[in-house]
Amino acid sequence: MLAQLLLSLSFLVAVHEMGHLLTAKYFGMRVEQFSIGFPPKIWSFTKGETEYAISAIPLGGYVKISGMIDESLDTEAMKQPAQPWEFRAKPAWQRLIVMLGGIFVNVVVGVLIFIGITFFLGDTYILKDVINDNGGFQIGPVGEEIGLRTGDKIVKINGEDFKYLQDIVNPQTLLSTDGTYTVNRDGKLIDIRIPADFIQKFSKKIAPGDFLWFRVPPIIGLTTKGSIAERIGLKKGDRILSVNGAPVNYQDEVYDRVQSIVKDSSSVSSDSIAFQVQRGTETLSFKEYFKGEKGIGFYSAPASKEFVEKAEERITYGFLESIPKGTTRAFTTLGVQVKAFGRVITGALSPQKSISGPIGIMQAFGNEWDWARFWSLTGVLSLVLAFMNLLPIPALDGGHVMFLSYEIISRRKPSDKFLEVAQKVGMVFLLGLMVFIFANDIIKLVMPD
């Protein structure tokens, strides 16, 4: 996890700062330092007028441009007369382009990553009609909280028909205003409201079945050690037909029947459990002592190959097709992030539950190295980095953009003293924000909901 996070952040910081460096050099500004990470320095070399460094704290980076009030707060240099190669000596429009350079590069990199993912991986969707025809959805605890029930057939989202299971958990759906799922429950259409803060349930890495998934038949995949299933010799491929005389067609029905027996501890029937199993052409009957047990003790087999082939729709794209498709996805993703940020600002979403820092991002990368997931997250992070840097906060690129835009419009340049104070205030604010984000990550890690 850590290696993936560091590689992703280092790459994104490098291209971001490279955007500043290249535009600064293009306009004849002297770049004194280019650093990936914050001091102390680990390794560096000098080429021309610029020192290139890798530093020990891998949570950012910077470019030091001569004559610019930045993180270094080198106010002594600012007291000297402006030199032609300095940032402050250049026209405001050139300085504005330099400050937008990193943001622009992050957007371009994010778009290129999404185009590459679209071209190389294509799309794999699961058809909701096949799930509905297979007995509807299996609903987990997250889905049950909003009123969904196992067996529901989800037929509309926000009053509109849809095609894929992925549409149900699309961030745009989860961020809908007054959003609804329309379900067919035993022949009756019911609207289930999507809570305004529902997306917070997905800010953590939850298993798909915690919300909803397709139902699978009760076929033995693996038995657990010391369980009833192991003791009586259930085998992989055995199919449970009934539990205590009640027929079952899906794994969730077996679970519900067993749990009702577990809860009914006062009943004599809870001392034992009876079930029938189909093995090939045979039907086997079992009755086992069940007092104190929590279940039969097996994991169901994955969905059959026939079901998967029927339910999955695989789409591949040519290179030219991938360009508009990937670009649209990139900006749609950015739009979702902006919308979610707006919800946090207005209080509709909890900052504690919705904002993740390095620890939360590291968990999202997962324990195993998966290049598809790595580049998907890196693409999202590149766009988020661009958006966050554009916020009008002093010490961020957006703060400089705000002051430079004021200078261009008013034709009045803010004083160096004002910019110095604003930089300090912005740095204090960002430091406090970093402390909050780190603390929030740690709290969510040690005290999950």
Protein backbone atom coordinates (compact mmCIF):
# COMPACT_ATOMS: atom_id res chain seq x y z
CA MET A 1 0.00 0.00 0.00
CA LEU A 2 2.68 2.50 1.05
CA ALA A 3 4.84 1.84 -2.02
CA GLN A 4 1.88 2.43 -4.34
CA LEU A 5 0.91 5.64 -2.55
CA LEU A 6 4.46 7.01 -2.65
CA LEU A 7 4.91 6.11 -6.31
CA SER A 8 1.60 7.72 -7.25
CA LEU A 9 2.18 10.90 -5.24
CA SER A 10 5.79 11.24 -6.39
CA PHE A 11 4.72 10.92 -10.03
CA LEU A 12 1.90 13.46 -9.65
CA VAL A 13 4.01 15.94 -7.70
CA ALA A 14 6.79 15.63 -10.29
CA VAL A 15 4.50 16.40 -13.24
CA HIS A 16 2.75 19.19 -11.31
CA GLU A 17 5.97 20.96 -10.41
CA MET A 18 7.32 20.30 -13.90
CA GLY A 19 4.40 22.36 -15.20
CA HIS A 20 5.59 25.32 -13.12
CA LEU A 21 9.24 24.76 -14.04
CA LEU A 22 8.72 24.57 -17.80
CA THR A 23 6.45 27.61 -18.01
CA ALA A 24 8.78 29.61 -15.76
CA LYS A 25 11.81 28.76 -17.89
CA TYR A 26 9.86 29.47 -21.07
CA PHE A 27 9.26 33.03 -19.89
CA GLY A 28 12.91 33.48 -18.88
CA MET A 29 12.47 33.14 -15.12
CA ARG A 30 15.28 31.66 -13.07
CA VAL A 31 14.30 28.42 -11.30
CA GLU A 32 16.58 27.86 -8.32
CA GLN A 33 15.20 24.52 -7.05
CA PHE A 34 12.96 21.69 -8.19
CA SER A 35 12.16 19.25 -5.39
CA ILE A 36 10.02 16.14 -5.11
CA GLY A 37 9.20 15.96 -1.41
CA PHE A 38 10.01 18.42 1.35
CA PRO A 39 13.40 18.83 3.11
CA PRO A 40 15.68 17.41 4.31
CA LYS A 41 17.22 16.53 0.96
CA ILE A 42 18.14 12.93 0.25
CA TRP A 43 19.79 13.40 -3.13
CA SER A 44 20.27 16.24 -5.60
CA PHE A 45 22.15 17.41 -8.66
CA THR A 46 22.52 20.76 -10.39
CA LYS A 47 22.02 21.38 -14.08
CA GLY A 48 22.39 24.92 -15.32
CA GLU A 49 20.89 27.31 -12.80
CA THR A 50 18.54 24.74 -11.23
CA GLU A 51 19.11 22.24 -8.42
CA TYR A 52 16.98 19.09 -8.81
CA ALA A 53 16.34 17.26 -5.53
CA ILE A 54 14.55 14.32 -3.96
CA SER A 55 13.66 15.08 -0.36
CA ALA A 56 12.70 13.00 2.65
CA ILE A 57 9.05 13.98 3.25
CA PRO A 58 7.13 12.54 0.25
CA LEU A 59 3.90 14.47 0.73
CA GLY A 60 4.39 17.18 -1.86
CA GLY A 61 7.07 19.14 -3.61
CA TYR A 62 7.96 22.60 -4.78
CA VAL A 63 9.68 24.75 -7.38
CA LYS A 64 11.59 27.77 -6.10
CA ILE A 65 11.43 30.57 -8.65
CA SER A 66 13.61 33.63 -8.11
CA GLY A 67 11.72 36.73 -7.00
CA MET A 68 8.58 34.93 -5.87
CA ILE A 69 7.05 34.92 -2.39
CA ASP A 70 6.52 31.22 -1.81
CA GLU A 71 6.88 28.56 0.88
CA SER A 72 10.51 29.56 1.52
CA LEU A 73 9.42 33.08 2.63
CA ASP A 74 12.76 34.43 1.46
CA THR A 75 11.92 38.05 2.29
CA GLU A 76 15.54 39.23 2.23
CA ALA A 77 15.80 38.56 -1.49
CA MET A 78 12.57 40.48 -2.02
CA LYS A 79 14.14 43.62 -0.50
CA GLN A 80 16.62 43.83 -3.38
CA PRO A 81 15.77 45.54 -6.67
CA ALA A 82 13.88 43.28 -9.08
CA GLN A 83 16.04 41.54 -11.67
CA PRO A 84 14.89 40.79 -15.23
CA TRP A 85 14.97 37.02 -14.62
CA GLU A 86 12.80 37.18 -11.51
CA PHE A 87 9.16 36.15 -11.23
CA ARG A 88 8.13 39.57 -9.86
CA ALA A 89 9.69 41.35 -12.85
CA LYS A 90 7.54 39.59 -15.42
CA PRO A 91 4.11 40.75 -16.67
CA ALA A 92 1.16 39.56 -14.59
CA TRP A 93 -0.21 37.42 -17.41
CA GLN A 94 3.07 35.47 -17.63
CA ARG A 95 3.10 34.96 -13.86
CA LEU A 96 -0.50 33.76 -14.05
CA ILE A 97 0.37 31.18 -16.70
CA VAL A 98 3.28 29.94 -14.55
CA MET A 99 0.99 29.48 -11.55
CA LEU A 100 -1.58 27.67 -13.68
CA GLY A 101 1.10 25.47 -15.27
CA GLY A 102 1.05 22.78 -12.58
CA ILE A 103 -2.74 22.67 -12.47
CA PHE A 104 -2.94 22.42 -16.26
CA VAL A 105 -0.44 19.55 -16.37
CA ASN A 106 -2.32 17.62 -13.67
CA VAL A 107 -5.55 17.94 -15.63
CA VAL A 108 -3.82 16.79 -18.83
CA VAL A 109 -2.17 13.85 -17.05
CA GLY A 110 -5.48 12.85 -15.45
CA VAL A 111 -7.23 12.93 -18.83
CA LEU A 112 -4.44 10.94 -20.50
CA ILE A 113 -4.61 8.29 -17.75
CA PHE A 114 -8.37 7.92 -18.23
CA ILE A 115 -7.91 7.69 -22.00
CA GLY A 116 -5.25 4.98 -21.51
CA ILE A 117 -7.42 3.00 -19.10
CA THR A 118 -10.35 3.19 -21.51
CA PHE A 119 -8.21 2.02 -24.42
CA PHE A 120 -6.28 -0.79 -22.70
CA LEU A 121 -8.95 -2.13 -20.32
CA GLY A 122 -12.25 -1.22 -21.93
CA ASP A 123 -15.36 -1.74 -19.80
CA THR A 124 -16.99 -4.72 -18.16
CA TYR A 125 -20.57 -4.15 -17.02
CA ILE A 126 -23.13 -6.37 -15.28
CA LEU A 127 -26.62 -6.20 -16.79
CA LYS A 128 -29.30 -5.36 -14.23
CA ASP A 129 -32.03 -7.12 -16.22
CA VAL A 130 -30.18 -10.43 -15.88
CA ILE A 131 -29.89 -9.86 -12.12
CA ASN A 132 -33.58 -9.02 -11.86
CA ASP A 133 -34.50 -12.14 -13.84
CA ASN A 134 -32.28 -14.17 -11.49
CA GLY A 135 -34.38 -13.36 -8.43
CA GLY A 136 -33.44 -9.75 -7.87
CA PHE A 137 -30.64 -8.36 -5.74
CA GLN A 138 -29.06 -9.67 -2.58
CA ILE A 139 -29.02 -6.74 -0.17
CA GLY A 140 -26.35 -6.23 2.47
CA PRO A 141 -26.52 -4.15 5.68
CA VAL A 142 -25.71 -0.87 3.90
CA GLY A 143 -28.62 -1.38 1.51
CA GLU A 144 -30.96 -2.49 4.28
CA GLU A 145 -30.33 0.79 6.12
CA ILE A 146 -32.13 2.74 3.38
CA GLY A 147 -34.98 0.24 3.02
CA LEU A 148 -33.84 -2.17 0.31
CA ARG A 149 -34.64 -5.86 0.83
CA THR A 150 -33.14 -9.01 -0.64
CA GLY A 151 -35.18 -10.06 -3.65
CA ASP A 152 -35.91 -6.46 -4.69
CA LYS A 153 -35.68 -5.88 -8.42
CA ILE A 154 -34.28 -2.39 -9.01
CA VAL A 155 -35.93 -1.10 -12.16
CA LYS A 156 -35.28 2.67 -12.17
CA ILE A 157 -32.86 5.26 -10.80
CA ASN A 158 -34.29 8.74 -10.21
CA GLY A 159 -37.31 7.75 -12.27
CA GLU A 160 -35.22 6.73 -15.29
CA ASP A 161 -34.50 3.30 -16.70
CA PHE A 162 -30.89 2.11 -16.52
CA LYS A 163 -28.87 -0.77 -17.88
CA TYR A 164 -26.03 -1.78 -15.57
CA LEU A 165 -25.49 -2.72 -11.94
CA GLN A 166 -22.65 -0.15 -11.88
CA ASP A 167 -25.21 2.64 -12.46
CA ILE A 168 -26.65 1.92 -9.02
CA VAL A 169 -23.39 2.76 -7.25
CA ASN A 170 -22.23 5.47 -9.64
CA PRO A 171 -21.09 8.50 -7.57
CA GLN A 172 -23.40 10.71 -9.62
CA THR A 173 -26.29 8.52 -8.47
CA LEU A 174 -25.15 8.54 -4.84
CA LEU A 175 -24.81 12.34 -4.94
CA SER A 176 -28.24 12.85 -6.50
CA THR A 177 -30.48 15.51 -4.99
CA ASP A 178 -33.69 13.80 -3.84
CA GLY A 179 -32.50 10.62 -5.58
CA THR A 180 -34.51 7.40 -5.56
CA TYR A 181 -34.28 3.74 -6.45
CA THR A 182 -37.53 2.31 -7.80
CA VAL A 183 -37.85 -1.36 -6.91
CA ASN A 184 -40.27 -4.09 -7.86
CA ARG A 185 -41.03 -5.89 -4.60
CA ASP A 186 -43.42 -8.81 -5.00
CA GLY A 187 -45.07 -7.12 -8.00
CA LYS A 188 -45.42 -3.71 -6.32
CA LEU A 189 -43.32 -0.67 -7.32
CA ILE A 190 -41.75 1.14 -4.36
CA ASP A 191 -39.52 4.22 -4.34
CA ILE A 192 -36.56 3.99 -1.97
CA ARG A 193 -35.07 7.40 -1.18
CA ILE A 194 -31.28 7.82 -1.49
CA PRO A 195 -30.15 9.83 1.59
CA ALA A 196 -28.20 13.03 0.87
CA ASP A 197 -25.20 11.69 2.81
CA PHE A 198 -25.42 8.13 1.47
CA ILE A 199 -22.13 8.40 -0.44
CA GLN A 200 -20.32 8.51 2.92
CA LYS A 201 -21.10 4.81 3.25
CA PHE A 202 -18.80 4.25 0.29
CA SER A 203 -15.91 6.43 1.43
CA LYS A 204 -14.41 3.35 3.03
CA LYS A 205 -13.37 0.19 1.29
CA ILE A 206 -16.49 -1.95 1.68
CA ALA A 207 -17.20 -5.27 0.04
CA PRO A 208 -19.72 -5.12 -2.83
CA GLY A 209 -22.11 -7.38 -0.89
CA ASP A 210 -22.27 -4.88 1.97
CA PHE A 211 -24.57 -2.81 -0.25
CA LEU A 212 -25.99 -5.12 -2.92
CA TRP A 213 -24.94 -7.85 -5.29
CA PHE A 214 -26.51 -10.52 -7.44
CA ARG A 215 -27.91 -13.63 -5.77
CA VAL A 216 -26.13 -16.97 -6.06
CA PRO A 217 -27.52 -20.49 -5.59
CA PRO A 218 -26.64 -22.35 -2.35
CA ILE A 219 -23.84 -24.43 -3.85
CA ILE A 220 -20.95 -25.48 -1.61
CA GLY A 221 -17.67 -23.82 -2.57
CA LEU A 222 -15.60 -24.33 0.58
CA THR A 223 -16.33 -25.74 4.03
CA THR A 224 -14.87 -24.22 7.19
CA LYS A 225 -12.76 -26.18 9.62
CA GLY A 226 -14.68 -27.83 12.48
CA SER A 227 -18.08 -26.91 11.05
CA ILE A 228 -21.15 -29.06 10.57
CA ALA A 229 -20.50 -29.00 6.82
CA GLU A 230 -17.01 -30.48 7.34
CA ARG A 231 -18.14 -33.08 9.88
CA ILE A 232 -20.85 -34.53 7.65
CA GLY A 233 -18.63 -34.40 4.57
CA LEU A 234 -20.32 -31.86 2.35
CA LYS A 235 -18.41 -31.55 -0.90
CA LYS A 236 -17.67 -28.79 -3.36
CA GLY A 237 -20.57 -28.63 -5.82
CA ASP A 238 -23.21 -29.96 -3.39
CA ARG A 239 -26.40 -27.89 -3.58
CA ILE A 240 -28.61 -27.30 -0.55
CA LEU A 241 -32.26 -27.88 -1.44
CA SER A 242 -34.05 -27.18 1.86
CA VAL A 243 -33.47 -26.17 5.48
CA ASN A 244 -35.83 -27.57 8.12
CA GLY A 245 -38.27 -28.47 5.36
CA ALA A 246 -38.32 -25.01 3.74
CA PRO A 247 -37.09 -25.01 0.12
CA VAL A 248 -34.18 -22.66 -0.68
CA ASN A 249 -33.08 -21.40 -4.07
CA TYR A 250 -30.43 -18.86 -3.06
CA GLN A 251 -27.56 -18.66 -0.60
CA ASP A 252 -29.18 -15.69 1.19
CA GLU A 253 -32.25 -17.89 1.88
CA VAL A 254 -30.04 -20.51 3.53
CA TYR A 255 -28.47 -17.81 5.68
CA ASP A 256 -31.87 -16.39 6.70
CA ARG A 257 -33.26 -19.84 7.56
CA VAL A 258 -30.20 -20.73 9.63
CA GLN A 259 -30.19 -17.39 11.45
CA SER A 260 -33.86 -17.79 12.35
CA ILE A 261 -32.94 -21.10 13.98
CA VAL A 262 -30.01 -19.49 15.81
CA LYS A 263 -32.26 -16.72 17.16
CA ASP A 264 -35.08 -19.07 18.14
CA SER A 265 -33.09 -20.51 21.04
CA SER A 266 -36.23 -21.23 23.06
CA SER A 267 -37.59 -23.60 20.43
CA VAL A 268 -36.99 -27.33 20.70
CA SER A 269 -36.30 -27.38 16.97
CA SER A 270 -33.27 -25.15 17.54
CA ASP A 271 -31.45 -28.13 19.08
CA SER A 272 -31.09 -29.60 15.60
CA ILE A 273 -31.08 -28.60 12.00
CA ALA A 274 -32.29 -30.67 9.05
CA PHE A 275 -31.43 -30.03 5.44
CA GLN A 276 -31.40 -31.76 2.11
CA VAL A 277 -28.52 -31.69 -0.33
CA GLN A 278 -28.34 -32.58 -3.99
CA ARG A 279 -25.11 -34.33 -5.01
CA GLY A 280 -25.15 -35.22 -8.67
CA THR A 281 -28.31 -37.25 -9.15
CA GLU A 282 -28.61 -38.11 -5.44
CA THR A 283 -30.63 -36.32 -2.80
CA LEU A 284 -29.03 -36.60 0.65
CA SER A 285 -30.79 -35.81 3.93
CA PHE A 286 -29.05 -34.66 7.13
CA LYS A 287 -30.16 -33.86 10.65
CA GLU A 288 -27.49 -32.53 12.98
CA TYR A 289 -27.26 -31.25 16.54
CA PHE A 290 -27.24 -27.45 16.28
CA LYS A 291 -27.27 -26.08 19.83
CA GLY A 292 -24.59 -23.38 20.15
CA GLU A 293 -23.80 -23.34 16.43
CA LYS A 294 -23.84 -20.16 14.34
CA GLY A 295 -24.19 -21.72 10.90
CA ILE A 296 -23.66 -24.78 8.71
CA GLY A 297 -20.14 -23.63 7.92
CA PHE A 298 -19.53 -23.14 4.22
CA TYR A 299 -18.79 -20.49 1.62
CA SER A 300 -20.93 -20.58 -1.47
CA ALA A 301 -19.38 -21.20 -4.87
CA PRO A 302 -18.98 -18.22 -7.22
CA ALA A 303 -21.63 -17.55 -9.82
CA SER A 304 -21.66 -20.12 -12.59
CA LYS A 305 -19.76 -19.50 -15.80
CA GLU A 306 -23.05 -19.56 -17.70
CA PHE A 307 -24.53 -16.84 -15.48
CA VAL A 308 -21.42 -14.66 -15.72
CA GLU A 309 -21.35 -14.96 -19.51
CA LYS A 310 -25.01 -13.99 -19.63
CA ALA A 311 -24.74 -11.13 -17.12
CA GLU A 312 -21.47 -9.51 -18.23
CA GLU A 313 -21.22 -7.13 -21.13
CA ARG A 314 -17.66 -6.50 -22.29
CA ILE A 315 -16.96 -3.36 -24.34
CA THR A 316 -13.64 -2.54 -26.00
CA TYR A 317 -12.70 0.76 -27.60
CA GLY A 318 -10.38 1.71 -30.41
CA PHE A 319 -7.79 4.39 -29.77
CA LEU A 320 -9.80 7.16 -31.45
CA GLU A 321 -12.94 6.08 -29.55
CA SER A 322 -11.01 6.13 -26.27
CA ILE A 323 -10.05 9.80 -26.56
CA PRO A 324 -13.53 11.36 -26.19
CA LYS A 325 -14.70 8.53 -23.91
CA GLY A 326 -11.74 8.82 -21.54
CA THR A 327 -11.85 12.63 -21.60
CA THR A 328 -15.54 12.62 -20.71
CA ARG A 329 -14.90 10.20 -17.86
CA ALA A 330 -12.06 12.33 -16.54
CA PHE A 331 -14.15 15.49 -16.38
CA THR A 332 -17.17 13.59 -15.06
CA THR A 333 -14.95 12.27 -12.26
CA LEU A 334 -13.68 15.78 -11.58
CA GLY A 335 -17.26 17.06 -11.54
CA VAL A 336 -18.23 14.43 -8.97
CA GLN A 337 -15.30 15.46 -6.75
CA VAL A 338 -16.28 19.13 -6.99
CA LYS A 339 -19.90 18.29 -6.21
CA ALA A 340 -18.90 16.22 -3.19
CA PHE A 341 -16.61 19.03 -1.98
CA GLY A 342 -19.53 21.44 -2.28
CA ARG A 343 -21.66 19.11 -0.16
CA VAL A 344 -18.95 19.09 2.50
CA ILE A 345 -18.76 22.90 2.50
CA THR A 346 -22.55 23.24 2.87
CA GLY A 347 -22.63 20.64 5.64
CA ALA A 348 -24.64 18.06 3.70
CA LEU A 349 -21.70 15.66 4.05
CA SER A 350 -19.59 15.20 7.15
CA PRO A 351 -15.93 16.28 6.69
CA GLN A 352 -14.87 13.58 9.14
CA LYS A 353 -16.50 10.84 7.09
CA SER A 354 -15.96 12.25 3.60
CA ILE A 355 -12.35 13.48 3.65
CA SER A 356 -9.44 11.05 3.51
CA GLY A 357 -5.74 11.79 3.76
CA PRO A 358 -2.65 9.74 2.98
CA ILE A 359 -3.67 6.85 5.23
CA GLY A 360 -7.13 6.60 3.68
CA ILE A 361 -5.71 6.87 0.16
CA MET A 362 -3.11 4.23 0.99
CA GLN A 363 -5.87 1.84 2.08
CA ALA A 364 -7.70 2.46 -1.19
CA PHE A 365 -4.66 1.18 -3.13
CA GLY A 366 -5.03 -2.18 -1.35
CA ASN A 367 -2.51 -4.72 -0.13
CA GLU A 368 -1.84 -6.29 -3.52
CA TRP A 369 -0.29 -4.49 -6.45
CA ASP A 370 -2.94 -4.02 -9.12
CA TRP A 371 -1.85 -1.82 -12.03
CA ALA A 372 -5.42 -1.16 -13.19
CA ARG A 373 -6.40 0.07 -9.72
CA PHE A 374 -3.11 1.97 -9.37
CA TRP A 375 -3.61 3.98 -12.55
CA SER A 376 -7.33 4.51 -11.88
CA LEU A 377 -6.59 6.01 -8.47
CA THR A 378 -3.64 7.98 -9.83
CA GLY A 379 -5.88 9.47 -12.53
CA VAL A 380 -8.45 10.50 -9.93
CA LEU A 381 -5.75 11.91 -7.63
CA SER A 382 -4.27 13.94 -10.48
CA LEU A 383 -7.62 15.61 -11.10
CA VAL A 384 -8.25 16.13 -7.38
CA LEU A 385 -4.78 17.65 -6.99
CA ALA A 386 -5.55 20.08 -9.83
CA PHE A 387 -8.86 21.08 -8.25
CA MET A 388 -7.47 21.46 -4.73
CA ASN A 389 -4.55 23.55 -5.98
CA LEU A 390 -6.96 25.88 -7.74
CA LEU A 391 -8.76 26.76 -4.49
CA PRO A 392 -8.21 30.46 -3.68
CA ILE A 393 -6.14 29.79 -0.57
CA PRO A 394 -2.86 31.67 -0.11
CA ALA A 395 0.12 29.27 -0.26
CA LEU A 396 -1.70 27.21 -2.90
CA ASP A 397 -1.48 27.92 -6.62
CA GLY A 398 -5.06 29.13 -6.45
CA GLY A 399 -4.06 31.84 -3.98
CA HIS A 400 -1.47 33.17 -6.40
CA VAL A 401 -3.99 32.94 -9.24
CA MET A 402 -6.48 34.96 -7.17
CA PHE A 403 -3.99 37.77 -6.47
CA LEU A 404 -2.68 37.81 -10.04
CA SER A 405 -6.22 37.94 -11.42
CA TYR A 406 -6.88 40.91 -9.14
CA GLU A 407 -3.70 42.58 -10.44
CA ILE A 408 -4.66 42.02 -14.09
CA ILE A 409 -8.20 43.33 -13.60
CA SER A 410 -7.41 46.29 -11.32
CA ARG A 411 -3.95 47.04 -12.76
CA ARG A 412 -2.76 47.31 -9.16
CA LYS A 413 -0.24 44.88 -7.74
CA PRO A 414 -0.67 43.84 -4.08
CA SER A 415 2.29 44.87 -1.95
CA ASP A 416 5.04 42.39 -1.16
CA LYS A 417 4.21 42.78 2.54
CA PHE A 418 0.58 41.86 1.91
CA LEU A 419 1.59 38.82 -0.15
CA GLU A 420 4.05 37.76 2.57
CA VAL A 421 1.38 37.95 5.28
CA ALA A 422 -1.15 36.16 3.07
CA GLN A 423 1.41 33.41 2.41
CA LYS A 424 1.98 32.94 6.15
CA VAL A 425 -1.75 32.84 6.87
CA GLY A 426 -2.27 30.32 4.08
CA MET A 427 0.56 28.12 5.34
CA VAL A 428 -0.87 28.13 8.87
CA PHE A 429 -4.29 27.23 7.50
CA LEU A 430 -2.89 24.40 5.37
CA LEU A 431 -0.84 23.09 8.29
CA GLY A 432 -3.95 23.00 10.45
CA LEU A 433 -5.86 21.28 7.65
CA MET A 434 -3.11 18.66 7.32
CA VAL A 435 -3.22 18.01 11.07
CA PHE A 436 -6.99 17.57 10.89
CA ILE A 437 -6.76 15.20 7.90
CA PHE A 438 -4.03 13.07 9.50
CA ALA A 439 -5.89 12.94 12.82
CA ASN A 440 -9.13 12.08 11.02
CA ASP A 441 -7.40 9.24 9.15
CA ILE A 442 -6.01 7.84 12.38
CA ILE A 443 -9.37 8.09 14.17
CA LYS A 444 -11.13 6.26 11.31
CA LEU A 445 -8.37 3.64 11.37
CA VAL A 446 -8.54 2.89 15.11
CA MET A 447 -12.27 3.58 15.61
CA PRO A 448 -14.12 2.53 12.45
CA ASP A 449 -17.89 2.99 12.38
